[in-house]
Amino acid sequence: MECKVVIRQLETELTLVEVSGEMDAYTAPAFKETLVRLIIRGYHWVVINFEELDFIDSSGLRVLLDLHADVTKKKGSLSLVVTKHHLKKIFKITGLMSPLQVFDQVEEALENLRAQQVKQDDLELAI
C-alpha cells in the first residue's frame, strides 16, 4: 500500500499535512523527504493529521522524531492528530505521546500550535 500526503497551508506559518495509507520502511523515506523540503522552505509550525493513516512502523516513528527535532531547531513545533485506537496505542507504548504532542482533533492541534506561536513571539519581543 502507499502513503498519500496532502499539504495545506492554513496561515502564514501554519501547515496541515494530511496523511493516509501506510507509513513503513518503504514509504517513510519519501514522507520524510517531502516534509524536510517543507521545513527548509520555512514552514516550521506543522500539524500532521493521521486520521486516515492505517499503519505505522518503527521507520515512520523514527521519521516523526527526526522531523520533530528539525522543527524544534528552527524554533517551530510539530503536532500530530491520531484518532485510531491501534495507532494511538503504538504512540503510548513507545512513549512518544508527549514529545510528539499527540491530539485527538485537528482543531485542538492547531490551537496548540497557535498558542505556542504567540508565546514564541512574546519571547522574541522580550529579548
PDB file of N, CA and C in Angstrom:
ATOM      1  N   MET A   1       0.843  -1.183   0.000  1.00  0.00           N
ATOM      2  CA  MET A   1       0.000   0.000   0.000  1.00  0.00           C
ATOM      3  C   MET A   1       0.885   1.241   0.000  1.00  0.00           C
ATOM      4  N   GLU A   2       0.329   2.349  -0.346  1.00  0.00           N
ATOM      5  CA  GLU A   2       1.086   3.584  -0.425  1.00  0.00           C
ATOM      6  C   GLU A   2       0.750   4.526   0.724  1.00  0.00           C
ATOM      7  N   CYS A   3       1.522   5.586   0.793  1.00  0.00           N
ATOM      8  CA  CYS A   3       1.301   6.649   1.763  1.00  0.00           C
ATOM      9  C   CYS A   3       1.027   7.910   0.959  1.00  0.00           C
ATOM     10  N   LYS A   4      -0.165   8.460   1.108  1.00  0.00           N
ATOM     11  CA  LYS A   4      -0.542   9.662   0.380  1.00  0.00           C
ATOM     12  C   LYS A   4      -0.435  10.857   1.320  1.00  0.00           C
ATOM     13  N   VAL A   5       0.139  11.943   0.813  1.00  0.00           N
ATOM     14  CA  VAL A   5       0.349  13.146   1.614  1.00  0.00           C
ATOM     15  C   VAL A   5      -0.266  14.338   0.895  1.00  0.00           C
ATOM     16  N   VAL A   6      -1.097  15.090   1.619  1.00  0.00           N
ATOM     17  CA  VAL A   6      -1.683  16.328   1.107  1.00  0.00           C
ATOM     18  C   VAL A   6      -1.274  17.443   2.061  1.00  0.00           C
ATOM     19  N   ILE A   7      -0.672  18.494   1.505  1.00  0.00           N
ATOM     20  CA  ILE A   7      -0.186  19.613   2.323  1.00  0.00           C
ATOM     21  C   ILE A   7      -1.086  20.817   2.090  1.00  0.00           C
ATOM     22  N   ARG A   8      -1.554  21.389   3.194  1.00  0.00           N
ATOM     23  CA  ARG A   8      -2.420  22.565   3.130  1.00  0.00           C
ATOM     24  C   ARG A   8      -1.799  23.691   3.960  1.00  0.00           C
ATOM     25  N   GLN A   9      -1.551  24.805   3.305  1.00  0.00           N
ATOM     26  CA  GLN A   9      -1.056  25.983   4.009  1.00  0.00           C
ATOM     27  C   GLN A   9      -2.259  26.716   4.586  1.00  0.00           C
ATOM     28  N   LEU A  10      -2.395  26.742   5.911  1.00  0.00           N
ATOM     29  CA  LEU A  10      -3.567  27.323   6.557  1.00  0.00           C
ATOM     30  C   LEU A  10      -3.391  28.797   6.872  1.00  0.00           C
ATOM     31  N   GLU A  11      -2.239  29.139   7.353  1.00  0.00           N
ATOM     32  CA  GLU A  11      -1.931  30.510   7.727  1.00  0.00           C
ATOM     33  C   GLU A  11      -0.489  30.757   7.318  1.00  0.00           C
ATOM     34  N   THR A  12      -0.007  31.950   7.555  1.00  0.00           N
ATOM     35  CA  THR A  12       1.329  32.311   7.112  1.00  0.00           C
ATOM     36  C   THR A  12       2.375  31.265   7.481  1.00  0.00           C
ATOM     37  N   GLU A  13       2.377  30.826   8.706  1.00  0.00           N
ATOM     38  CA  GLU A  13       3.400  29.879   9.144  1.00  0.00           C
ATOM     39  C   GLU A  13       2.832  28.534   9.599  1.00  0.00           C
ATOM     40  N   LEU A  14       1.561  28.311   9.429  1.00  0.00           N
ATOM     41  CA  LEU A  14       0.916  27.105   9.941  1.00  0.00           C
ATOM     42  C   LEU A  14       0.517  26.183   8.790  1.00  0.00           C
ATOM     43  N   THR A  15       0.984  24.947   8.865  1.00  0.00           N
ATOM     44  CA  THR A  15       0.767  23.987   7.793  1.00  0.00           C
ATOM     45  C   THR A  15       0.089  22.732   8.334  1.00  0.00           C
ATOM     46  N   LEU A  16      -0.904  22.250   7.597  1.00  0.00           N
ATOM     47  CA  LEU A  16      -1.584  20.993   7.917  1.00  0.00           C
ATOM     48  C   LEU A  16      -1.173  19.960   6.878  1.00  0.00           C
ATOM     49  N   VAL A  17      -0.648  18.836   7.348  1.00  0.00           N
ATOM     50  CA  VAL A  17      -0.233  17.740   6.480  1.00  0.00           C
ATOM     51  C   VAL A  17      -1.165  16.564   6.750  1.00  0.00           C
ATOM     52  N   GLU A  18      -1.932  16.181   5.740  1.00  0.00           N
ATOM     53  CA  GLU A  18      -2.864  15.075   5.892  1.00  0.00           C
ATOM     54  C   GLU A  18      -2.247  13.820   5.265  1.00  0.00           C
ATOM     55  N   VAL A  19      -2.216  12.756   6.056  1.00  0.00           N
ATOM     56  CA  VAL A  19      -1.550  11.527   5.634  1.00  0.00           C
ATOM     57  C   VAL A  19      -2.550  10.380   5.650  1.00  0.00           C
ATOM     58  N   SER A  20      -2.540   9.589   4.582  1.00  0.00           N
ATOM     59  CA  SER A  20      -3.399   8.402   4.531  1.00  0.00           C
ATOM     60  C   SER A  20      -2.590   7.222   4.013  1.00  0.00           C
ATOM     61  N   GLY A  21      -3.098   6.037   4.281  1.00  0.00           N
ATOM     62  CA  GLY A  21      -2.417   4.823   3.822  1.00  0.00           C
ATOM     63  C   GLY A  21      -1.567   4.213   4.910  1.00  0.00           C
ATOM     64  N   GLU A  22      -0.336   3.843   4.532  1.00  0.00           N
ATOM     65  CA  GLU A  22       0.575   3.192   5.463  1.00  0.00           C
ATOM     66  C   GLU A  22       1.942   3.867   5.440  1.00  0.00           C
ATOM     67  N   MET A  23       2.537   4.018   6.614  1.00  0.00           N
ATOM     68  CA  MET A  23       3.884   4.544   6.702  1.00  0.00           C
ATOM     69  C   MET A  23       4.786   3.450   7.256  1.00  0.00           C
ATOM     70  N   ASP A  24       5.630   2.946   6.378  1.00  0.00           N
ATOM     71  CA  ASP A  24       6.513   1.853   6.743  1.00  0.00           C
ATOM     72  C   ASP A  24       7.904   2.100   6.153  1.00  0.00           C
ATOM     73  N   ALA A  25       8.754   1.089   6.192  1.00  0.00           N
ATOM     74  CA  ALA A  25      10.126   1.232   5.691  1.00  0.00           C
ATOM     75  C   ALA A  25      10.152   1.610   4.212  1.00  0.00           C
ATOM     76  N   TYR A  26       9.132   1.264   3.489  1.00  0.00           N
ATOM     77  CA  TYR A  26       9.056   1.578   2.065  1.00  0.00           C
ATOM     78  C   TYR A  26       8.603   3.020   1.816  1.00  0.00           C
ATOM     79  N   THR A  27       7.632   3.508   2.566  1.00  0.00           N
ATOM     80  CA  THR A  27       7.042   4.832   2.307  1.00  0.00           C
ATOM     81  C   THR A  27       7.606   5.952   3.183  1.00  0.00           C
ATOM     82  N   ALA A  28       8.182   5.615   4.331  1.00  0.00           N
ATOM     83  CA  ALA A  28       8.664   6.637   5.272  1.00  0.00           C
ATOM     84  C   ALA A  28       9.744   7.551   4.675  1.00  0.00           C
ATOM     85  N   PRO A  29      10.707   7.037   3.902  1.00  0.00           N
ATOM     86  CA  PRO A  29      11.727   7.941   3.354  1.00  0.00           C
ATOM     87  C   PRO A  29      11.155   9.040   2.453  1.00  0.00           C
ATOM     88  N   ALA A  30      10.197   8.717   1.611  1.00  0.00           N
ATOM     89  CA  ALA A  30       9.586   9.729   0.741  1.00  0.00           C
ATOM     90  C   ALA A  30       8.785  10.731   1.568  1.00  0.00           C
ATOM     91  N   PHE A  31       8.100  10.247   2.606  1.00  0.00           N
ATOM     92  CA  PHE A  31       7.364  11.139   3.502  1.00  0.00           C
ATOM     93  C   PHE A  31       8.329  12.117   4.159  1.00  0.00           C
ATOM     94  N   LYS A  32       9.443  11.594   4.661  1.00  0.00           N
ATOM     95  CA  LYS A  32      10.427  12.445   5.321  1.00  0.00           C
ATOM     96  C   LYS A  32      10.978  13.481   4.346  1.00  0.00           C
ATOM     97  N   GLU A  33      11.318  13.059   3.160  1.00  0.00           N
ATOM     98  CA  GLU A  33      11.863  13.980   2.163  1.00  0.00           C
ATOM     99  C   GLU A  33      10.880  15.118   1.869  1.00  0.00           C
ATOM    100  N   THR A  34       9.612  14.789   1.746  1.00  0.00           N
ATOM    101  CA  THR A  34       8.583  15.799   1.489  1.00  0.00           C
ATOM    102  C   THR A  34       8.519  16.812   2.625  1.00  0.00           C
ATOM    103  N   LEU A  35       8.527  16.337   3.857  1.00  0.00           N
ATOM    104  CA  LEU A  35       8.427  17.261   4.989  1.00  0.00           C
ATOM    105  C   LEU A  35       9.721  18.027   5.240  1.00  0.00           C
ATOM    106  N   VAL A  36      10.848  17.424   4.978  1.00  0.00           N
ATOM    107  CA  VAL A  36      12.115  18.147   5.125  1.00  0.00           C
ATOM    108  C   VAL A  36      12.158  19.315   4.144  1.00  0.00           C
ATOM    109  N   ARG A  37      11.693  19.101   2.915  1.00  0.00           N
ATOM    110  CA  ARG A  37      11.638  20.205   1.942  1.00  0.00           C
ATOM    111  C   ARG A  37      10.718  21.312   2.442  1.00  0.00           C
ATOM    112  N   LEU A  38       9.623  20.940   3.066  1.00  0.00           N
ATOM    113  CA  LEU A  38       8.692  21.914   3.629  1.00  0.00           C
ATOM    114  C   LEU A  38       9.384  22.739   4.717  1.00  0.00           C
ATOM    115  N   ILE A  39      10.097  22.078   5.589  1.00  0.00           N
ATOM    116  CA  ILE A  39      10.800  22.737   6.687  1.00  0.00           C
ATOM    117  C   ILE A  39      11.899  23.661   6.145  1.00  0.00           C
ATOM    118  N   ILE A  40      12.625  23.203   5.152  1.00  0.00           N
ATOM    119  CA  ILE A  40      13.676  24.021   4.534  1.00  0.00           C
ATOM    120  C   ILE A  40      13.090  25.303   3.942  1.00  0.00           C
ATOM    121  N   ARG A  41      11.882  25.216   3.417  1.00  0.00           N
ATOM    122  CA  ARG A  41      11.214  26.384   2.833  1.00  0.00           C
ATOM    123  C   ARG A  41      10.689  27.356   3.889  1.00  0.00           C
ATOM    124  N   GLY A  42      10.833  26.997   5.160  1.00  0.00           N
ATOM    125  CA  GLY A  42      10.449  27.926   6.216  1.00  0.00           C
ATOM    126  C   GLY A  42       9.158  27.604   6.942  1.00  0.00           C
ATOM    127  N   TYR A  43       8.574  26.463   6.674  1.00  0.00           N
ATOM    128  CA  TYR A  43       7.338  26.068   7.357  1.00  0.00           C
ATOM    129  C   TYR A  43       7.702  25.240   8.577  1.00  0.00           C
ATOM    130  N   HIS A  44       7.720  25.905   9.741  1.00  0.00           N
ATOM    131  CA  HIS A  44       8.200  25.272  10.968  1.00  0.00           C
ATOM    132  C   HIS A  44       7.099  24.977  11.975  1.00  0.00           C
ATOM    133  N   TRP A  45       5.859  25.290  11.637  1.00  0.00           N
ATOM    134  CA  TRP A  45       4.716  25.046  12.519  1.00  0.00           C
ATOM    135  C   TRP A  45       3.796  24.076  11.777  1.00  0.00           C
ATOM    136  N   VAL A  46       3.876  22.790  12.146  1.00  0.00           N
ATOM    137  CA  VAL A  46       3.256  21.743  11.343  1.00  0.00           C
ATOM    138  C   VAL A  46       2.357  20.844  12.196  1.00  0.00           C
ATOM    139  N   VAL A  47       1.143  20.614  11.679  1.00  0.00           N
ATOM    140  CA  VAL A  47       0.244  19.606  12.244  1.00  0.00           C
ATOM    141  C   VAL A  47       0.159  18.479  11.229  1.00  0.00           C
ATOM    142  N   ILE A  48       0.452  17.271  11.675  1.00  0.00           N
ATOM    143  CA  ILE A  48       0.319  16.097  10.815  1.00  0.00           C
ATOM    144  C   ILE A  48      -0.928  15.351  11.240  1.00  0.00           C
ATOM    145  N   ASN A  49      -1.875  15.245  10.323  1.00  0.00           N
ATOM    146  CA  ASN A  49      -3.155  14.593  10.596  1.00  0.00           C
ATOM    147  C   ASN A  49      -3.095  13.137  10.132  1.00  0.00           C
ATOM    148  N   PHE A  50      -3.155  12.219  11.090  1.00  0.00           N
ATOM    149  CA  PHE A  50      -3.115  10.789  10.803  1.00  0.00           C
ATOM    150  C   PHE A  50      -4.498  10.140  10.894  1.00  0.00           C
ATOM    151  N   GLU A  51      -5.564  10.915  10.769  1.00  0.00           N
ATOM    152  CA  GLU A  51      -6.914  10.346  10.862  1.00  0.00           C
ATOM    153  C   GLU A  51      -7.140   9.246   9.828  1.00  0.00           C
ATOM    154  N   GLU A  52      -6.518   9.366   8.661  1.00  0.00           N
ATOM    155  CA  GLU A  52      -6.700   8.379   7.592  1.00  0.00           C
ATOM    156  C   GLU A  52      -5.517   7.429   7.443  1.00  0.00           C
ATOM    157  N   LEU A  53      -4.569   7.485   8.377  1.00  0.00           N
ATOM    158  CA  LEU A  53      -3.438   6.561   8.353  1.00  0.00           C
ATOM    159  C   LEU A  53      -3.887   5.226   8.938  1.00  0.00           C
ATOM    160  N   ASP A  54      -3.528   4.144   8.267  1.00  0.00           N
ATOM    161  CA  ASP A  54      -3.936   2.815   8.721  1.00  0.00           C
ATOM    162  C   ASP A  54      -2.840   2.080   9.482  1.00  0.00           C
ATOM    163  N   PHE A  55      -1.574   2.422   9.194  1.00  0.00           N
ATOM    164  CA  PHE A  55      -0.467   1.659   9.762  1.00  0.00           C
ATOM    165  C   PHE A  55       0.775   2.534   9.845  1.00  0.00           C
ATOM    166  N   ILE A  56       1.543   2.354  10.920  1.00  0.00           N
ATOM    167  CA  ILE A  56       2.855   2.987  11.042  1.00  0.00           C
ATOM    168  C   ILE A  56       3.788   2.005  11.735  1.00  0.00           C
ATOM    169  N   ASP A  57       5.020   1.908  11.239  1.00  0.00           N
ATOM    170  CA  ASP A  57       6.001   1.037  11.888  1.00  0.00           C
ATOM    171  C   ASP A  57       7.139   1.879  12.457  1.00  0.00           C
ATOM    172  N   SER A  58       8.190   1.233  12.920  1.00  0.00           N
ATOM    173  CA  SER A  58       9.288   1.957  13.566  1.00  0.00           C
ATOM    174  C   SER A  58       9.975   2.932  12.611  1.00  0.00           C
ATOM    175  N   SER A  59       9.966   2.650  11.323  1.00  0.00           N
ATOM    176  CA  SER A  59      10.550   3.584  10.347  1.00  0.00           C
ATOM    177  C   SER A  59       9.782   4.899  10.359  1.00  0.00           C
ATOM    178  N   GLY A  60       8.475   4.820  10.389  1.00  0.00           N
ATOM    179  CA  GLY A  60       7.642   6.018  10.435  1.00  0.00           C
ATOM    180  C   GLY A  60       7.817   6.778  11.733  1.00  0.00           C
ATOM    181  N   LEU A  61       7.915   6.053  12.842  1.00  0.00           N
ATOM    182  CA  LEU A  61       8.115   6.702  14.135  1.00  0.00           C
ATOM    183  C   LEU A  61       9.451   7.435  14.168  1.00  0.00           C
ATOM    184  N   ARG A  62      10.484   6.810  13.607  1.00  0.00           N
ATOM    185  CA  ARG A  62      11.813   7.437  13.545  1.00  0.00           C
ATOM    186  C   ARG A  62      11.757   8.736  12.743  1.00  0.00           C
ATOM    187  N   VAL A  63      11.052   8.709  11.624  1.00  0.00           N
ATOM    188  CA  VAL A  63      10.902   9.907  10.793  1.00  0.00           C
ATOM    189  C   VAL A  63      10.230  11.024  11.589  1.00  0.00           C
ATOM    190  N   LEU A  64       9.201  10.682  12.343  1.00  0.00           N
ATOM    191  CA  LEU A  64       8.499  11.694  13.136  1.00  0.00           C
ATOM    192  C   LEU A  64       9.418  12.314  14.185  1.00  0.00           C
ATOM    193  N   LEU A  65      10.248  11.502  14.819  1.00  0.00           N
ATOM    194  CA  LEU A  65      11.196  12.036  15.800  1.00  0.00           C
ATOM    195  C   LEU A  65      12.214  12.954  15.131  1.00  0.00           C
ATOM    196  N   ASP A  66      12.682  12.559  13.947  1.00  0.00           N
ATOM    197  CA  ASP A  66      13.629  13.396  13.204  1.00  0.00           C
ATOM    198  C   ASP A  66      12.996  14.723  12.811  1.00  0.00           C
ATOM    199  N   LEU A  67      11.754  14.676  12.325  1.00  0.00           N
ATOM    200  CA  LEU A  67      11.056  15.899  11.929  1.00  0.00           C
ATOM    201  C   LEU A  67      10.816  16.803  13.135  1.00  0.00           C
ATOM    202  N   HIS A  68      10.459  16.189  14.255  1.00  0.00           N
ATOM    203  CA  HIS A  68      10.268  16.952  15.492  1.00  0.00           C
ATOM    204  C   HIS A  68      11.560  17.695  15.851  1.00  0.00           C
ATOM    205  N   ALA A  69      12.691  17.019  15.764  1.00  0.00           N
ATOM    206  CA  ALA A  69      13.978  17.646  16.066  1.00  0.00           C
ATOM    207  C   ALA A  69      14.271  18.778  15.081  1.00  0.00           C
ATOM    208  N   ASP A  70      13.953  18.556  13.811  1.00  0.00           N
ATOM    209  CA  ASP A  70      14.204  19.581  12.788  1.00  0.00           C
ATOM    210  C   ASP A  70      13.415  20.859  13.050  1.00  0.00           C
ATOM    211  N   VAL A  71      12.120  20.733  13.326  1.00  0.00           N
ATOM    212  CA  VAL A  71      11.312  21.946  13.545  1.00  0.00           C
ATOM    213  C   VAL A  71      11.667  22.615  14.874  1.00  0.00           C
ATOM    214  N   THR A  72      12.049  21.833  15.861  1.00  0.00           N
ATOM    215  CA  THR A  72      12.447  22.396  17.150  1.00  0.00           C
ATOM    216  C   THR A  72      13.709  23.243  16.989  1.00  0.00           C
ATOM    217  N   LYS A  73      14.654  22.774  16.188  1.00  0.00           N
ATOM    218  CA  LYS A  73      15.872  23.555  15.921  1.00  0.00           C
ATOM    219  C   LYS A  73      15.546  24.883  15.248  1.00  0.00           C
ATOM    220  N   LYS A  74      14.465  24.925  14.503  1.00  0.00           N
ATOM    221  CA  LYS A  74      14.048  26.137  13.791  1.00  0.00           C
ATOM    222  C   LYS A  74      13.083  26.978  14.631  1.00  0.00           C
ATOM    223  N   LYS A  75      12.961  26.621  15.911  1.00  0.00           N
ATOM    224  CA  LYS A  75      12.060  27.306  16.849  1.00  0.00           C
ATOM    225  C   LYS A  75      10.601  27.186  16.440  1.00  0.00           C
ATOM    226  N   GLY A  76      10.253  26.043  15.858  1.00  0.00           N
ATOM    227  CA  GLY A  76       8.879  25.746  15.488  1.00  0.00           C
ATOM    228  C   GLY A  76       8.351  24.607  16.335  1.00  0.00           C
ATOM    229  N   SER A  77       7.299  23.958  15.840  1.00  0.00           N
ATOM    230  CA  SER A  77       6.712  22.862  16.590  1.00  0.00           C
ATOM    231  C   SER A  77       5.969  21.910  15.654  1.00  0.00           C
ATOM    232  N   LEU A  78       5.894  20.675  16.071  1.00  0.00           N
ATOM    233  CA  LEU A  78       5.208  19.624  15.330  1.00  0.00           C
ATOM    234  C   LEU A  78       4.167  18.990  16.243  1.00  0.00           C
ATOM    235  N   SER A  79       2.928  18.905  15.751  1.00  0.00           N
ATOM    236  CA  SER A  79       1.861  18.233  16.496  1.00  0.00           C
ATOM    237  C   SER A  79       1.232  17.172  15.603  1.00  0.00           C
ATOM    238  N   LEU A  80       0.729  16.120  16.227  1.00  0.00           N
ATOM    239  CA  LEU A  80       0.092  15.036  15.486  1.00  0.00           C
ATOM    240  C   LEU A  80      -1.366  14.901  15.898  1.00  0.00           C
ATOM    241  N   VAL A  81      -2.187  14.465  14.947  1.00  0.00           N
ATOM    242  CA  VAL A  81      -3.565  14.100  15.241  1.00  0.00           C
ATOM    243  C   VAL A  81      -3.677  12.607  14.985  1.00  0.00           C
ATOM    244  N   VAL A  82      -3.942  11.861  16.053  1.00  0.00           N
ATOM    245  CA  VAL A  82      -4.058  10.403  15.958  1.00  0.00           C
ATOM    246  C   VAL A  82      -5.392  10.016  16.581  1.00  0.00           C
ATOM    247  N   THR A  83      -6.272   9.448  15.769  1.00  0.00           N
ATOM    248  CA  THR A  83      -7.611   9.113  16.258  1.00  0.00           C
ATOM    249  C   THR A  83      -7.851   7.610  16.367  1.00  0.00           C
ATOM    250  N   LYS A  84      -7.144   6.838  15.584  1.00  0.00           N
ATOM    251  CA  LYS A  84      -7.372   5.387  15.587  1.00  0.00           C
ATOM    252  C   LYS A  84      -6.715   4.755  16.806  1.00  0.00           C
ATOM    253  N   HIS A  85      -7.492   3.929  17.478  1.00  0.00           N
ATOM    254  CA  HIS A  85      -7.049   3.318  18.737  1.00  0.00           C
ATOM    255  C   HIS A  85      -5.746   2.535  18.573  1.00  0.00           C
ATOM    256  N   HIS A  86      -5.636   1.719  17.524  1.00  0.00           N
ATOM    257  CA  HIS A  86      -4.442   0.888  17.379  1.00  0.00           C
ATOM    258  C   HIS A  86      -3.184   1.724  17.119  1.00  0.00           C
ATOM    259  N   LEU A  87      -3.334   2.889  16.481  1.00  0.00           N
ATOM    260  CA  LEU A  87      -2.180   3.761  16.269  1.00  0.00           C
ATOM    261  C   LEU A  87      -1.835   4.519  17.547  1.00  0.00           C
ATOM    262  N   LYS A  88      -2.857   4.979  18.233  1.00  0.00           N
ATOM    263  CA  LYS A  88      -2.623   5.685  19.492  1.00  0.00           C
ATOM    264  C   LYS A  88      -1.911   4.766  20.490  1.00  0.00           C
ATOM    265  N   LYS A  89      -2.263   3.505  20.461  1.00  0.00           N
ATOM    266  CA  LYS A  89      -1.637   2.529  21.356  1.00  0.00           C
ATOM    267  C   LYS A  89      -0.132   2.416  21.072  1.00  0.00           C
ATOM    268  N   ILE A  90       0.247   2.468  19.805  1.00  0.00           N
ATOM    269  CA  ILE A  90       1.668   2.420  19.428  1.00  0.00           C
ATOM    270  C   ILE A  90       2.408   3.620  20.010  1.00  0.00           C
ATOM    271  N   PHE A  91       1.815   4.815  19.901  1.00  0.00           N
ATOM    272  CA  PHE A  91       2.460   6.012  20.438  1.00  0.00           C
ATOM    273  C   PHE A  91       2.567   5.943  21.959  1.00  0.00           C
ATOM    274  N   LYS A  92       1.557   5.388  22.627  1.00  0.00           N
ATOM    275  CA  LYS A  92       1.603   5.259  24.088  1.00  0.00           C
ATOM    276  C   LYS A  92       2.669   4.261  24.518  1.00  0.00           C
ATOM    277  N   ILE A  93       2.686   3.099  23.881  1.00  0.00           N
ATOM    278  CA  ILE A  93       3.638   2.048  24.254  1.00  0.00           C
ATOM    279  C   ILE A  93       5.078   2.504  24.059  1.00  0.00           C
ATOM    280  N   THR A  94       5.327   3.246  22.990  1.00  0.00           N
ATOM    281  CA  THR A  94       6.689   3.700  22.692  1.00  0.00           C
ATOM    282  C   THR A  94       7.081   4.952  23.474  1.00  0.00           C
ATOM    283  N   GLY A  95       6.139   5.543  24.203  1.00  0.00           N
ATOM    284  CA  GLY A  95       6.442   6.733  24.989  1.00  0.00           C
ATOM    285  C   GLY A  95       6.539   8.006  24.162  1.00  0.00           C
ATOM    286  N   LEU A  96       5.944   8.015  22.981  1.00  0.00           N
ATOM    287  CA  LEU A  96       6.053   9.158  22.078  1.00  0.00           C
ATOM    288  C   LEU A  96       4.870  10.125  22.148  1.00  0.00           C
ATOM    289  N   MET A  97       3.917   9.866  23.034  1.00  0.00           N
ATOM    290  CA  MET A  97       2.744  10.745  23.138  1.00  0.00           C
ATOM    291  C   MET A  97       3.143  12.159  23.560  1.00  0.00           C
ATOM    292  N   SER A  98       4.063  12.274  24.476  1.00  0.00           N
ATOM    293  CA  SER A  98       4.427  13.584  24.996  1.00  0.00           C
ATOM    294  C   SER A  98       5.381  14.358  24.092  1.00  0.00           C
ATOM    295  N   PRO A  99       6.523  13.799  23.723  1.00  0.00           N
ATOM    296  CA  PRO A  99       7.440  14.615  22.908  1.00  0.00           C
ATOM    297  C   PRO A  99       6.853  15.006  21.559  1.00  0.00           C
ATOM    298  N   LEU A 100       5.962  14.186  21.024  1.00  0.00           N
ATOM    299  CA  LEU A 100       5.389  14.479  19.717  1.00  0.00           C
ATOM    300  C   LEU A 100       4.061  15.223  19.790  1.00  0.00           C
ATOM    301  N   GLN A 101       3.577  15.541  20.958  1.00  0.00           N
ATOM    302  CA  GLN A 101       2.328  16.282  21.123  1.00  0.00           C
ATOM    303  C   GLN A 101       1.204  15.680  20.282  1.00  0.00           C
ATOM    304  N   VAL A 102       0.617  14.618  20.770  1.00  0.00           N
ATOM    305  CA  VAL A 102      -0.446  13.905  20.063  1.00  0.00           C
ATOM    306  C   VAL A 102      -1.814  14.401  20.547  1.00  0.00           C
ATOM    307  N   PHE A 103      -2.676  14.735  19.589  1.00  0.00           N
ATOM    308  CA  PHE A 103      -4.011  15.247  19.879  1.00  0.00           C
ATOM    309  C   PHE A 103      -5.079  14.379  19.228  1.00  0.00           C
ATOM    310  N   ASP A 104      -6.323  14.535  19.703  1.00  0.00           N
ATOM    311  CA  ASP A 104      -7.454  13.768  19.180  1.00  0.00           C
ATOM    312  C   ASP A 104      -8.144  14.442  18.002  1.00  0.00           C
ATOM    313  N   GLN A 105      -8.008  15.762  17.896  1.00  0.00           N
ATOM    314  CA  GLN A 105      -8.711  16.506  16.845  1.00  0.00           C
ATOM    315  C   GLN A 105      -7.771  17.514  16.197  1.00  0.00           C
ATOM    316  N   VAL A 106      -8.004  17.769  14.914  1.00  0.00           N
ATOM    317  CA  VAL A 106      -7.190  18.722  14.171  1.00  0.00           C
ATOM    318  C   VAL A 106      -7.257  20.104  14.812  1.00  0.00           C
ATOM    319  N   GLU A 107      -8.454  20.563  15.138  1.00  0.00           N
ATOM    320  CA  GLU A 107      -8.586  21.910  15.693  1.00  0.00           C
ATOM    321  C   GLU A 107      -7.830  22.062  17.008  1.00  0.00           C
ATOM    322  N   GLU A 108      -7.826  21.003  17.801  1.00  0.00           N
ATOM    323  CA  GLU A 108      -7.088  21.002  19.065  1.00  0.00           C
ATOM    324  C   GLU A 108      -5.590  21.193  18.813  1.00  0.00           C
ATOM    325  N   ALA A 109      -5.064  20.464  17.845  1.00  0.00           N
ATOM    326  CA  ALA A 109      -3.643  20.564  17.499  1.00  0.00           C
ATOM    327  C   ALA A 109      -3.306  21.941  16.938  1.00  0.00           C
ATOM    328  N   LEU A 110      -4.181  22.476  16.090  1.00  0.00           N
ATOM    329  CA  LEU A 110      -3.958  23.804  15.513  1.00  0.00           C
ATOM    330  C   LEU A 110      -3.950  24.881  16.590  1.00  0.00           C
ATOM    331  N   GLU A 111      -4.897  24.806  17.515  1.00  0.00           N
ATOM    332  CA  GLU A 111      -4.957  25.784  18.601  1.00  0.00           C
ATOM    333  C   GLU A 111      -3.706  25.719  19.467  1.00  0.00           C
ATOM    334  N   ASN A 112      -3.216  24.512  19.710  1.00  0.00           N
ATOM    335  CA  ASN A 112      -1.993  24.343  20.487  1.00  0.00           C
ATOM    336  C   ASN A 112      -0.822  25.037  19.792  1.00  0.00           C
ATOM    337  N   LEU A 113      -0.691  24.853  18.488  1.00  0.00           N
ATOM    338  CA  LEU A 113       0.410  25.494  17.767  1.00  0.00           C
ATOM    339  C   LEU A 113       0.258  27.011  17.739  1.00  0.00           C
ATOM    340  N   ARG A 114      -0.965  27.471  17.558  1.00  0.00           N
ATOM    341  CA  ARG A 114      -1.188  28.932  17.573  1.00  0.00           C
ATOM    342  C   ARG A 114      -0.753  29.525  18.919  1.00  0.00           C
ATOM    343  N   ALA A 115      -1.079  28.835  20.004  1.00  0.00           N
ATOM    344  CA  ALA A 115      -0.701  29.305  21.342  1.00  0.00           C
ATOM    345  C   ALA A 115       0.824  29.305  21.502  1.00  0.00           C
ATOM    346  N   GLN A 116       1.480  28.294  20.970  1.00  0.00           N
ATOM    347  CA  GLN A 116       2.940  28.248  21.035  1.00  0.00           C
ATOM    348  C   GLN A 116       3.572  29.370  20.214  1.00  0.00           C
ATOM    349  N   GLN A 117       2.963  29.683  19.062  1.00  0.00           N
ATOM    350  CA  GLN A 117       3.470  30.777  18.241  1.00  0.00           C
ATOM    351  C   GLN A 117       3.399  32.102  18.995  1.00  0.00           C
ATOM    352  N   VAL A 118       2.293  32.327  19.692  1.00  0.00           N
ATOM    353  CA  VAL A 118       2.134  33.560  20.462  1.00  0.00           C
ATOM    354  C   VAL A 118       3.207  33.629  21.548  1.00  0.00           C
ATOM    355  N   LYS A 119       3.444  32.528  22.250  1.00  0.00           N
ATOM    356  CA  LYS A 119       4.474  32.500  23.290  1.00  0.00           C
ATOM    357  C   LYS A 119       5.848  32.770  22.683  1.00  0.00           C
ATOM    358  N   GLN A 120       6.115  32.179  21.521  1.00  0.00           N
ATOM    359  CA  GLN A 120       7.396  32.381  20.839  1.00  0.00           C
ATOM    360  C   GLN A 120       7.570  33.841  20.459  1.00  0.00           C
ATOM    361  N   ASP A 121       6.505  34.456  19.938  1.00  0.00           N
ATOM    362  CA  ASP A 121       6.551  35.873  19.581  1.00  0.00           C
ATOM    363  C   ASP A 121       6.818  36.737  20.811  1.00  0.00           C
ATOM    364  N   ASP A 122       6.174  36.403  21.922  1.00  0.00           N
ATOM    365  CA  ASP A 122       6.377  37.152  23.163  1.00  0.00           C
ATOM    366  C   ASP A 122       7.823  37.037  23.638  1.00  0.00           C
ATOM    367  N   LEU A 123       8.406  35.843  23.528  1.00  0.00           N
ATOM    368  CA  LEU A 123       9.799  35.654  23.930  1.00  0.00           C
ATOM    369  C   LEU A 123      10.735  36.453  23.046  1.00  0.00           C
ATOM    370  N   GLU A 124      10.470  36.469  21.756  1.00  0.00           N
ATOM    371  CA  GLU A 124      11.332  37.204  20.844  1.00  0.00           C
ATOM    372  C   GLU A 124      11.255  38.697  21.101  1.00  0.00           C
ATOM    373  N   LEU A 125      10.087  39.198  21.483  1.00  0.00           N
ATOM    374  CA  LEU A 125       9.944  40.607  21.792  1.00  0.00           C
ATOM    375  C   LEU A 125      10.634  40.974  23.101  1.00  0.00           C
ATOM    376  N   ALA A 126      10.663  40.036  24.031  1.00  0.00           N
ATOM    377  CA  ALA A 126      11.235  40.304  25.349  1.00  0.00           C
ATOM    378  C   ALA A 126      12.751  40.293  25.349  1.00  0.00           C
ATOM    379  N   ILE A 127      13.344  39.720  24.367  1.00  0.00           N
ATOM    380  CA  ILE A 127      14.812  39.563  24.351  1.00  0.00           C
ATOM    381  C   ILE A 127      15.505  40.830  23.942  1.00  0.00           C
TER     382      ILE A 127
END
